[in-house]
Amino acid sequence: MALNRGELPVRARSGGELAERVRRAEDYALLGARVVVELHSESRAAKPSTRAWAITRRAQRAHRRQAARQQRGEQHQAGRVERTSRPQPEREMVADVR
């Protein structure tokens, strides 16, 4: 540490900077790295059209996921009905003879 003082992380210079670091740490803790990176890329896009595209893409993926969830639920219900409507083989009761 004494040899590499220039390599030490710089402390926040103002209360606002410190508050931003705390907010960022909370975002990572609550949302996870993937979500934070995606939100950051949406809000920090160089062109407004890029930002609009990212937001539109997020909405489209949400709709696709919702449709896939519904479809999985319907397939699950159909499989359940199919299994219960099959005739069950009759089982013989074997008496325990000791």
PDB file of N, CA and C in Angstrom:
ATOM      1  N   MET A   1       0.822  -1.168   0.000  1.00  0.00           N
ATOM      2  CA  MET A   1       0.000   0.000   0.000  1.00  0.00           C
ATOM      3  C   MET A   1       0.875   1.244   0.000  1.00  0.00           C
ATOM      4  N   ALA A   2       1.934   1.244   0.740  1.00  0.00           N
ATOM      5  CA  ALA A   2       2.805   2.403   0.807  1.00  0.00           C
ATOM      6  C   ALA A   2       3.524   2.627  -0.517  1.00  0.00           C
ATOM      7  N   LEU A   3       3.790   1.552  -1.261  1.00  0.00           N
ATOM      8  CA  LEU A   3       4.503   1.684  -2.527  1.00  0.00           C
ATOM      9  C   LEU A   3       3.592   2.116  -3.671  1.00  0.00           C
ATOM     10  N   ASN A   4       2.309   1.782  -3.608  1.00  0.00           N
ATOM     11  CA  ASN A   4       1.400   2.048  -4.719  1.00  0.00           C
ATOM     12  C   ASN A   4       0.280   3.009  -4.320  1.00  0.00           C
ATOM     13  N   ARG A   5       0.616   4.109  -3.758  1.00  0.00           N
ATOM     14  CA  ARG A   5      -0.407   5.060  -3.328  1.00  0.00           C
ATOM     15  C   ARG A   5      -1.254   5.549  -4.495  1.00  0.00           C
ATOM     16  N   GLY A   6      -0.686   5.662  -5.659  1.00  0.00           N
ATOM     17  CA  GLY A   6      -1.445   6.104  -6.833  1.00  0.00           C
ATOM     18  C   GLY A   6      -2.466   5.077  -7.307  1.00  0.00           C
ATOM     19  N   GLU A   7      -2.326   3.842  -6.868  1.00  0.00           N
ATOM     20  CA  GLU A   7      -3.218   2.763  -7.286  1.00  0.00           C
ATOM     21  C   GLU A   7      -4.417   2.590  -6.360  1.00  0.00           C
ATOM     22  N   LEU A   8      -4.433   3.287  -5.247  1.00  0.00           N
ATOM     23  CA  LEU A   8      -5.546   3.169  -4.315  1.00  0.00           C
ATOM     24  C   LEU A   8      -6.798   3.792  -4.915  1.00  0.00           C
ATOM     25  N   PRO A   9      -7.971   3.232  -4.630  1.00  0.00           N
ATOM     26  CA  PRO A   9      -9.203   3.833  -5.151  1.00  0.00           C
ATOM     27  C   PRO A   9      -9.417   5.224  -4.565  1.00  0.00           C
ATOM     28  N   VAL A  10      -9.927   6.109  -5.376  1.00  0.00           N
ATOM     29  CA  VAL A  10     -10.166   7.484  -4.953  1.00  0.00           C
ATOM     30  C   VAL A  10     -11.472   7.531  -4.174  1.00  0.00           C
ATOM     31  N   ARG A  11     -11.480   8.240  -3.078  1.00  0.00           N
ATOM     32  CA  ARG A  11     -12.682   8.378  -2.264  1.00  0.00           C
ATOM     33  C   ARG A  11     -13.612   9.394  -2.905  1.00  0.00           C
ATOM     34  N   ALA A  12     -14.888   9.300  -2.587  1.00  0.00           N
ATOM     35  CA  ALA A  12     -15.864  10.250  -3.111  1.00  0.00           C
ATOM     36  C   ALA A  12     -15.514  11.648  -2.625  1.00  0.00           C
ATOM     37  N   ARG A  13     -15.618  12.603  -3.518  1.00  0.00           N
ATOM     38  CA  ARG A  13     -15.227  13.968  -3.176  1.00  0.00           C
ATOM     39  C   ARG A  13     -16.375  14.788  -2.610  1.00  0.00           C
ATOM     40  N   SER A  14     -17.593  14.390  -2.897  1.00  0.00           N
ATOM     41  CA  SER A  14     -18.726  15.177  -2.403  1.00  0.00           C
ATOM     42  C   SER A  14     -19.797  14.244  -1.863  1.00  0.00           C
ATOM     43  N   GLY A  15     -20.754  14.834  -1.167  1.00  0.00           N
ATOM     44  CA  GLY A  15     -21.866  14.039  -0.646  1.00  0.00           C
ATOM     45  C   GLY A  15     -22.693  13.423  -1.766  1.00  0.00           C
ATOM     46  N   GLY A  16     -22.846  14.142  -2.865  1.00  0.00           N
ATOM     47  CA  GLY A  16     -23.599  13.623  -4.016  1.00  0.00           C
ATOM     48  C   GLY A  16     -22.933  12.420  -4.641  1.00  0.00           C
ATOM     49  N   GLU A  17     -21.592  12.480  -4.743  1.00  0.00           N
ATOM     50  CA  GLU A  17     -20.851  11.357  -5.300  1.00  0.00           C
ATOM     51  C   GLU A  17     -20.971  10.129  -4.406  1.00  0.00           C
ATOM     52  N   LEU A  18     -20.876  10.349  -3.119  1.00  0.00           N
ATOM     53  CA  LEU A  18     -21.021   9.251  -2.168  1.00  0.00           C
ATOM     54  C   LEU A  18     -22.429   8.659  -2.230  1.00  0.00           C
ATOM     55  N   ALA A  19     -23.433   9.514  -2.328  1.00  0.00           N
ATOM     56  CA  ALA A  19     -24.814   9.038  -2.428  1.00  0.00           C
ATOM     57  C   ALA A  19     -25.010   8.229  -3.709  1.00  0.00           C
ATOM     58  N   GLU A  20     -24.395   8.654  -4.805  1.00  0.00           N
ATOM     59  CA  GLU A  20     -24.497   7.906  -6.070  1.00  0.00           C
ATOM     60  C   GLU A  20     -23.870   6.526  -5.934  1.00  0.00           C
ATOM     61  N   ARG A  21     -22.750   6.446  -5.251  1.00  0.00           N
ATOM     62  CA  ARG A  21     -22.108   5.137  -5.051  1.00  0.00           C
ATOM     63  C   ARG A  21     -22.991   4.224  -4.207  1.00  0.00           C
ATOM     64  N   VAL A  22     -23.623   4.784  -3.198  1.00  0.00           N
ATOM     65  CA  VAL A  22     -24.512   3.984  -2.344  1.00  0.00           C
ATOM     66  C   VAL A  22     -25.702   3.498  -3.162  1.00  0.00           C
ATOM     67  N   ARG A  23     -26.300   4.387  -3.977  1.00  0.00           N
ATOM     68  CA  ARG A  23     -27.433   3.981  -4.832  1.00  0.00           C
ATOM     69  C   ARG A  23     -27.022   2.869  -5.795  1.00  0.00           C
ATOM     70  N   ARG A  24     -25.841   3.010  -6.390  1.00  0.00           N
ATOM     71  CA  ARG A  24     -25.368   1.991  -7.334  1.00  0.00           C
ATOM     72  C   ARG A  24     -25.179   0.649  -6.623  1.00  0.00           C
ATOM     73  N   ALA A  25     -24.610   0.673  -5.427  1.00  0.00           N
ATOM     74  CA  ALA A  25     -24.419  -0.572  -4.661  1.00  0.00           C
ATOM     75  C   ALA A  25     -25.762  -1.202  -4.302  1.00  0.00           C
ATOM     76  N   GLU A  26     -26.751  -0.377  -3.942  1.00  0.00           N
ATOM     77  CA  GLU A  26     -28.085  -0.900  -3.643  1.00  0.00           C
ATOM     78  C   GLU A  26     -28.721  -1.512  -4.881  1.00  0.00           C
ATOM     79  N   ASP A  27     -28.547  -0.872  -6.035  1.00  0.00           N
ATOM     80  CA  ASP A  27     -29.094  -1.416  -7.280  1.00  0.00           C
ATOM     81  C   ASP A  27     -28.507  -2.792  -7.566  1.00  0.00           C
ATOM     82  N   TYR A  28     -27.187  -2.910  -7.435  1.00  0.00           N
ATOM     83  CA  TYR A  28     -26.560  -4.205  -7.674  1.00  0.00           C
ATOM     84  C   TYR A  28     -27.062  -5.254  -6.687  1.00  0.00           C
ATOM     85  N   ALA A  29     -27.239  -4.865  -5.440  1.00  0.00           N
ATOM     86  CA  ALA A  29     -27.690  -5.819  -4.427  1.00  0.00           C
ATOM     87  C   ALA A  29     -29.131  -6.255  -4.667  1.00  0.00           C
ATOM     88  N   LEU A  30     -29.996  -5.315  -5.068  1.00  0.00           N
ATOM     89  CA  LEU A  30     -31.414  -5.627  -5.247  1.00  0.00           C
ATOM     90  C   LEU A  30     -31.722  -6.242  -6.606  1.00  0.00           C
ATOM     91  N   LEU A  31     -31.163  -5.675  -7.667  1.00  0.00           N
ATOM     92  CA  LEU A  31     -31.553  -6.063  -9.018  1.00  0.00           C
ATOM     93  C   LEU A  31     -30.623  -7.076  -9.656  1.00  0.00           C
ATOM     94  N   GLY A  32     -29.378  -7.070  -9.276  1.00  0.00           N
ATOM     95  CA  GLY A  32     -28.408  -7.952  -9.897  1.00  0.00           C
ATOM     96  C   GLY A  32     -27.657  -7.233 -11.006  1.00  0.00           C
ATOM     97  N   ALA A  33     -26.495  -7.760 -11.331  1.00  0.00           N
ATOM     98  CA  ALA A  33     -25.605  -7.096 -12.287  1.00  0.00           C
ATOM     99  C   ALA A  33     -26.217  -7.000 -13.678  1.00  0.00           C
ATOM    100  N   ARG A  34     -26.868  -8.064 -14.151  1.00  0.00           N
ATOM    101  CA  ARG A  34     -27.409  -8.066 -15.516  1.00  0.00           C
ATOM    102  C   ARG A  34     -28.445  -6.965 -15.705  1.00  0.00           C
ATOM    103  N   VAL A  35     -29.339  -6.807 -14.760  1.00  0.00           N
ATOM    104  CA  VAL A  35     -30.389  -5.791 -14.863  1.00  0.00           C
ATOM    105  C   VAL A  35     -29.802  -4.390 -14.777  1.00  0.00           C
ATOM    106  N   VAL A  36     -28.853  -4.187 -13.864  1.00  0.00           N
ATOM    107  CA  VAL A  36     -28.246  -2.863 -13.712  1.00  0.00           C
ATOM    108  C   VAL A  36     -27.521  -2.466 -14.994  1.00  0.00           C
ATOM    109  N   VAL A  37     -26.786  -3.393 -15.585  1.00  0.00           N
ATOM    110  CA  VAL A  37     -26.064  -3.090 -16.825  1.00  0.00           C
ATOM    111  C   VAL A  37     -27.046  -2.757 -17.935  1.00  0.00           C
ATOM    112  N   GLU A  38     -28.134  -3.521 -18.040  1.00  0.00           N
ATOM    113  CA  GLU A  38     -29.120  -3.256 -19.087  1.00  0.00           C
ATOM    114  C   GLU A  38     -29.796  -1.901 -18.894  1.00  0.00           C
ATOM    115  N   LEU A  39     -30.173  -1.586 -17.676  1.00  0.00           N
ATOM    116  CA  LEU A  39     -30.784  -0.284 -17.409  1.00  0.00           C
ATOM    117  C   LEU A  39     -29.816   0.848 -17.696  1.00  0.00           C
ATOM    118  N   HIS A  40     -28.554   0.645 -17.327  1.00  0.00           N
ATOM    119  CA  HIS A  40     -27.541   1.665 -17.574  1.00  0.00           C
ATOM    120  C   HIS A  40     -27.351   1.885 -19.072  1.00  0.00           C
ATOM    121  N   SER A  41     -27.318   0.798 -19.838  1.00  0.00           N
ATOM    122  CA  SER A  41     -27.125   0.938 -21.286  1.00  0.00           C
ATOM    123  C   SER A  41     -28.318   1.632 -21.927  1.00  0.00           C
ATOM    124  N   GLU A  42     -29.517   1.427 -21.381  1.00  0.00           N
ATOM    125  CA  GLU A  42     -30.689   2.112 -21.924  1.00  0.00           C
ATOM    126  C   GLU A  42     -30.635   3.610 -21.640  1.00  0.00           C
ATOM    127  N   SER A  43     -30.308   3.960 -20.419  1.00  0.00           N
ATOM    128  CA  SER A  43     -30.394   5.362 -20.033  1.00  0.00           C
ATOM    129  C   SER A  43     -29.183   6.175 -20.463  1.00  0.00           C
ATOM    130  N   ARG A  44     -28.084   5.527 -20.818  1.00  0.00           N
ATOM    131  CA  ARG A  44     -26.878   6.254 -21.192  1.00  0.00           C
ATOM    132  C   ARG A  44     -26.564   6.135 -22.683  1.00  0.00           C
ATOM    133  N   ALA A  45     -27.539   5.811 -23.492  1.00  0.00           N
ATOM    134  CA  ALA A  45     -27.304   5.652 -24.924  1.00  0.00           C
ATOM    135  C   ALA A  45     -26.903   6.990 -25.542  1.00  0.00           C
ATOM    136  N   ALA A  46     -25.997   6.919 -26.525  1.00  0.00           N
ATOM    137  CA  ALA A  46     -25.486   8.132 -27.154  1.00  0.00           C
ATOM    138  C   ALA A  46     -26.567   8.844 -27.965  1.00  0.00           C
ATOM    139  N   LYS A  47     -27.390   8.063 -28.653  1.00  0.00           N
ATOM    140  CA  LYS A  47     -28.437   8.654 -29.483  1.00  0.00           C
ATOM    141  C   LYS A  47     -29.806   8.339 -28.895  1.00  0.00           C
ATOM    142  N   PRO A  48     -30.737   9.264 -28.997  1.00  0.00           N
ATOM    143  CA  PRO A  48     -32.091   8.980 -28.503  1.00  0.00           C
ATOM    144  C   PRO A  48     -32.721   7.777 -29.204  1.00  0.00           C
ATOM    145  N   SER A  49     -32.397   7.564 -30.477  1.00  0.00           N
ATOM    146  CA  SER A  49     -32.983   6.428 -31.191  1.00  0.00           C
ATOM    147  C   SER A  49     -32.491   5.105 -30.608  1.00  0.00           C
ATOM    148  N   THR A  50     -31.243   5.074 -30.165  1.00  0.00           N
ATOM    149  CA  THR A  50     -30.706   3.859 -29.545  1.00  0.00           C
ATOM    150  C   THR A  50     -31.420   3.573 -28.237  1.00  0.00           C
ATOM    151  N   ARG A  51     -31.670   4.601 -27.465  1.00  0.00           N
ATOM    152  CA  ARG A  51     -32.384   4.438 -26.195  1.00  0.00           C
ATOM    153  C   ARG A  51     -33.801   3.936 -26.448  1.00  0.00           C
ATOM    154  N   ALA A  52     -34.474   4.523 -27.435  1.00  0.00           N
ATOM    155  CA  ALA A  52     -35.838   4.087 -27.765  1.00  0.00           C
ATOM    156  C   ALA A  52     -35.836   2.634 -28.219  1.00  0.00           C
ATOM    157  N   TRP A  53     -34.833   2.242 -28.998  1.00  0.00           N
ATOM    158  CA  TRP A  53     -34.740   0.859 -29.464  1.00  0.00           C
ATOM    159  C   TRP A  53     -34.566  -0.088 -28.275  1.00  0.00           C
ATOM    160  N   ALA A  54     -33.707   0.278 -27.325  1.00  0.00           N
ATOM    161  CA  ALA A  54     -33.457  -0.589 -26.165  1.00  0.00           C
ATOM    162  C   ALA A  54     -34.714  -0.746 -25.326  1.00  0.00           C
ATOM    163  N   ILE A  55     -35.449   0.333 -25.134  1.00  0.00           N
ATOM    164  CA  ILE A  55     -36.680   0.264 -24.344  1.00  0.00           C
ATOM    165  C   ILE A  55     -37.726  -0.575 -25.067  1.00  0.00           C
ATOM    166  N   THR A  56     -37.840  -0.406 -26.379  1.00  0.00           N
ATOM    167  CA  THR A  56     -38.785  -1.199 -27.182  1.00  0.00           C
ATOM    168  C   THR A  56     -38.429  -2.675 -27.117  1.00  0.00           C
ATOM    169  N   ARG A  57     -37.129  -2.968 -27.222  1.00  0.00           N
ATOM    170  CA  ARG A  57     -36.685  -4.362 -27.174  1.00  0.00           C
ATOM    171  C   ARG A  57     -37.025  -4.995 -25.831  1.00  0.00           C
ATOM    172  N   ARG A  58     -36.856  -4.223 -24.749  1.00  0.00           N
ATOM    173  CA  ARG A  58     -37.199  -4.743 -23.419  1.00  0.00           C
ATOM    174  C   ARG A  58     -38.684  -5.071 -23.339  1.00  0.00           C
ATOM    175  N   ALA A  59     -39.519  -4.191 -23.876  1.00  0.00           N
ATOM    176  CA  ALA A  59     -40.966  -4.433 -23.852  1.00  0.00           C
ATOM    177  C   ALA A  59     -41.330  -5.666 -24.683  1.00  0.00           C
ATOM    178  N   GLN A  60     -40.709  -5.813 -25.838  1.00  0.00           N
ATOM    179  CA  GLN A  60     -41.002  -6.969 -26.691  1.00  0.00           C
ATOM    180  C   GLN A  60     -40.595  -8.275 -25.997  1.00  0.00           C
ATOM    181  N   ARG A  61     -39.438  -8.264 -25.351  1.00  0.00           N
ATOM    182  CA  ARG A  61     -39.015  -9.474 -24.638  1.00  0.00           C
ATOM    183  C   ARG A  61     -39.958  -9.800 -23.495  1.00  0.00           C
ATOM    184  N   ALA A  62     -40.452  -8.784 -22.821  1.00  0.00           N
ATOM    185  CA  ALA A  62     -41.395  -9.022 -21.723  1.00  0.00           C
ATOM    186  C   ALA A  62     -42.671  -9.671 -22.250  1.00  0.00           C
ATOM    187  N   HIS A  63     -43.163  -9.197 -23.401  1.00  0.00           N
ATOM    188  CA  HIS A  63     -44.366  -9.794 -23.995  1.00  0.00           C
ATOM    189  C   HIS A  63     -44.107 -11.237 -24.417  1.00  0.00           C
ATOM    190  N   ARG A  64     -42.932 -11.496 -25.004  1.00  0.00           N
ATOM    191  CA  ARG A  64     -42.611 -12.870 -25.416  1.00  0.00           C
ATOM    192  C   ARG A  64     -42.532 -13.796 -24.209  1.00  0.00           C
ATOM    193  N   ARG A  65     -41.915 -13.319 -23.133  1.00  0.00           N
ATOM    194  CA  ARG A  65     -41.829 -14.146 -21.925  1.00  0.00           C
ATOM    195  C   ARG A  65     -43.197 -14.424 -21.338  1.00  0.00           C
ATOM    196  N   GLN A  66     -44.062 -13.415 -21.333  1.00  0.00           N
ATOM    197  CA  GLN A  66     -45.426 -13.591 -20.815  1.00  0.00           C
ATOM    198  C   GLN A  66     -46.173 -14.627 -21.649  1.00  0.00           C
ATOM    199  N   ALA A  67     -46.057 -14.538 -22.978  1.00  0.00           N
ATOM    200  CA  ALA A  67     -46.730 -15.502 -23.854  1.00  0.00           C
ATOM    201  C   ALA A  67     -46.177 -16.907 -23.630  1.00  0.00           C
ATOM    202  N   ALA A  68     -44.872 -17.021 -23.462  1.00  0.00           N
ATOM    203  CA  ALA A  68     -44.265 -18.331 -23.233  1.00  0.00           C
ATOM    204  C   ALA A  68     -44.734 -18.922 -21.913  1.00  0.00           C
ATOM    205  N   ARG A  69     -44.854 -18.081 -20.875  1.00  0.00           N
ATOM    206  CA  ARG A  69     -45.349 -18.558 -19.582  1.00  0.00           C
ATOM    207  C   ARG A  69     -46.771 -19.088 -19.707  1.00  0.00           C
ATOM    208  N   GLN A  70     -47.623 -18.331 -20.412  1.00  0.00           N
ATOM    209  CA  GLN A  70     -49.014 -18.773 -20.589  1.00  0.00           C
ATOM    210  C   GLN A  70     -49.063 -20.075 -21.358  1.00  0.00           C
ATOM    211  N   GLN A  71     -48.257 -20.170 -22.407  1.00  0.00           N
ATOM    212  CA  GLN A  71     -48.248 -21.372 -23.227  1.00  0.00           C
ATOM    213  C   GLN A  71     -47.791 -22.582 -22.416  1.00  0.00           C
ATOM    214  N   ARG A  72     -46.766 -22.392 -21.592  1.00  0.00           N
ATOM    215  CA  ARG A  72     -46.302 -23.495 -20.748  1.00  0.00           C
ATOM    216  C   ARG A  72     -47.398 -23.937 -19.786  1.00  0.00           C
ATOM    217  N   GLY A  73     -48.137 -22.968 -19.234  1.00  0.00           N
ATOM    218  CA  GLY A  73     -49.218 -23.303 -18.317  1.00  0.00           C
ATOM    219  C   GLY A  73     -50.320 -24.078 -19.013  1.00  0.00           C
ATOM    220  N   GLU A  74     -50.665 -23.653 -20.236  1.00  0.00           N
ATOM    221  CA  GLU A  74     -51.709 -24.353 -20.999  1.00  0.00           C
ATOM    222  C   GLU A  74     -51.251 -25.760 -21.357  1.00  0.00           C
ATOM    223  N   GLN A  75     -49.979 -25.912 -21.746  1.00  0.00           N
ATOM    224  CA  GLN A  75     -49.469 -27.242 -22.077  1.00  0.00           C
ATOM    225  C   GLN A  75     -49.475 -28.140 -20.846  1.00  0.00           C
ATOM    226  N   HIS A  76     -49.138 -27.566 -19.710  1.00  0.00           N
ATOM    227  CA  HIS A  76     -49.128 -28.329 -18.463  1.00  0.00           C
ATOM    228  C   HIS A  76     -50.540 -28.804 -18.131  1.00  0.00           C
ATOM    229  N   GLN A  77     -51.526 -27.902 -18.267  1.00  0.00           N
ATOM    230  CA  GLN A  77     -52.915 -28.278 -17.992  1.00  0.00           C
ATOM    231  C   GLN A  77     -53.397 -29.338 -18.970  1.00  0.00           C
ATOM    232  N   ALA A  78     -53.041 -29.193 -20.247  1.00  0.00           N
ATOM    233  CA  ALA A  78     -53.458 -30.178 -21.250  1.00  0.00           C
ATOM    234  C   ALA A  78     -52.859 -31.547 -20.927  1.00  0.00           C
ATOM    235  N   GLY A  79     -51.595 -31.572 -20.526  1.00  0.00           N
ATOM    236  CA  GLY A  79     -50.955 -32.832 -20.155  1.00  0.00           C
ATOM    237  C   GLY A  79     -51.603 -33.446 -18.936  1.00  0.00           C
ATOM    238  N   ARG A  80     -52.005 -32.618 -17.996  1.00  0.00           N
ATOM    239  CA  ARG A  80     -52.657 -33.113 -16.785  1.00  0.00           C
ATOM    240  C   ARG A  80     -54.005 -33.735 -17.136  1.00  0.00           C
ATOM    241  N   VAL A  81     -54.788 -33.070 -17.979  1.00  0.00           N
ATOM    242  CA  VAL A  81     -56.092 -33.602 -18.385  1.00  0.00           C
ATOM    243  C   VAL A  81     -55.903 -34.902 -19.147  1.00  0.00           C
ATOM    244  N   GLU A  82     -54.899 -34.932 -20.019  1.00  0.00           N
ATOM    245  CA  GLU A  82     -54.644 -36.134 -20.811  1.00  0.00           C
ATOM    246  C   GLU A  82     -54.289 -37.312 -19.901  1.00  0.00           C
ATOM    247  N   ARG A  83     -53.495 -37.061 -18.890  1.00  0.00           N
ATOM    248  CA  ARG A  83     -53.101 -38.149 -17.982  1.00  0.00           C
ATOM    249  C   ARG A  83     -54.272 -38.651 -17.155  1.00  0.00           C
ATOM    250  N   THR A  84     -55.155 -37.756 -16.734  1.00  0.00           N
ATOM    251  CA  THR A  84     -56.268 -38.188 -15.896  1.00  0.00           C
ATOM    252  C   THR A  84     -57.378 -38.838 -16.707  1.00  0.00           C
ATOM    253  N   SER A  85     -57.450 -38.550 -18.009  1.00  0.00           N
ATOM    254  CA  SER A  85     -58.526 -39.129 -18.815  1.00  0.00           C
ATOM    255  C   SER A  85     -58.174 -40.525 -19.327  1.00  0.00           C
ATOM    256  N   ARG A  86     -56.924 -40.943 -19.206  1.00  0.00           N
ATOM    257  CA  ARG A  86     -56.538 -42.286 -19.634  1.00  0.00           C
ATOM    258  C   ARG A  86     -57.146 -43.329 -18.698  1.00  0.00           C
ATOM    259  N   PRO A  87     -57.550 -44.459 -19.265  1.00  0.00           N
ATOM    260  CA  PRO A  87     -58.058 -45.514 -18.374  1.00  0.00           C
ATOM    261  C   PRO A  87     -56.912 -46.072 -17.532  1.00  0.00           C
ATOM    262  N   GLN A  88     -57.176 -46.197 -16.265  1.00  0.00           N
ATOM    263  CA  GLN A  88     -56.167 -46.701 -15.349  1.00  0.00           C
ATOM    264  C   GLN A  88     -56.259 -48.220 -15.291  1.00  0.00           C
ATOM    265  N   PRO A  89     -55.128 -48.906 -15.334  1.00  0.00           N
ATOM    266  CA  PRO A  89     -55.168 -50.375 -15.247  1.00  0.00           C
ATOM    267  C   PRO A  89     -55.640 -50.778 -13.849  1.00  0.00           C
ATOM    268  N   GLU A  90     -56.448 -51.807 -13.847  1.00  0.00           N
ATOM    269  CA  GLU A  90     -56.961 -52.268 -12.557  1.00  0.00           C
ATOM    270  C   GLU A  90     -55.882 -53.073 -11.855  1.00  0.00           C
ATOM    271  N   ARG A  91     -55.723 -52.821 -10.622  1.00  0.00           N
ATOM    272  CA  ARG A  91     -54.692 -53.517  -9.848  1.00  0.00           C
ATOM    273  C   ARG A  91     -55.360 -54.526  -8.924  1.00  0.00           C
ATOM    274  N   GLU A  92     -54.744 -55.647  -8.840  1.00  0.00           N
ATOM    275  CA  GLU A  92     -55.270 -56.665  -7.939  1.00  0.00           C
ATOM    276  C   GLU A  92     -54.706 -56.431  -6.550  1.00  0.00           C
ATOM    277  N   MET A  93     -55.558 -56.609  -5.605  1.00  0.00           N
ATOM    278  CA  MET A  93     -55.128 -56.484  -4.214  1.00  0.00           C
ATOM    279  C   MET A  93     -54.613 -57.868  -3.781  1.00  0.00           C
ATOM    280  N   VAL A  94     -53.393 -57.943  -3.397  1.00  0.00           N
ATOM    281  CA  VAL A  94     -52.821 -59.191  -2.947  1.00  0.00           C
ATOM    282  C   VAL A  94     -52.811 -59.166  -1.425  1.00  0.00           C
ATOM    283  N   ALA A  95     -53.386 -60.202  -0.877  1.00  0.00           N
ATOM    284  CA  ALA A  95     -53.446 -60.287   0.584  1.00  0.00           C
ATOM    285  C   ALA A  95     -52.076 -60.666   1.112  1.00  0.00           C
ATOM    286  N   ASP A  96     -51.721 -60.080   2.200  1.00  0.00           N
ATOM    287  CA  ASP A  96     -50.450 -60.365   2.822  1.00  0.00           C
ATOM    288  C   ASP A  96     -50.599 -61.661   3.637  1.00  0.00           C
ATOM    289  N   VAL A  97     -50.011 -62.706   3.102  1.00  0.00           N
ATOM    290  CA  VAL A  97     -50.124 -64.005   3.768  1.00  0.00           C
ATOM    291  C   VAL A  97     -48.838 -64.243   4.547  1.00  0.00           C
ATOM    292  N   ARG A  98     -48.980 -64.389   5.850  1.00  0.00           N
ATOM    293  CA  ARG A  98     -47.804 -64.638   6.688  1.00  0.00           C
ATOM    294  C   ARG A  98     -47.968 -65.881   7.462  1.00  0.00           C
TER     295      ARG A  98
END
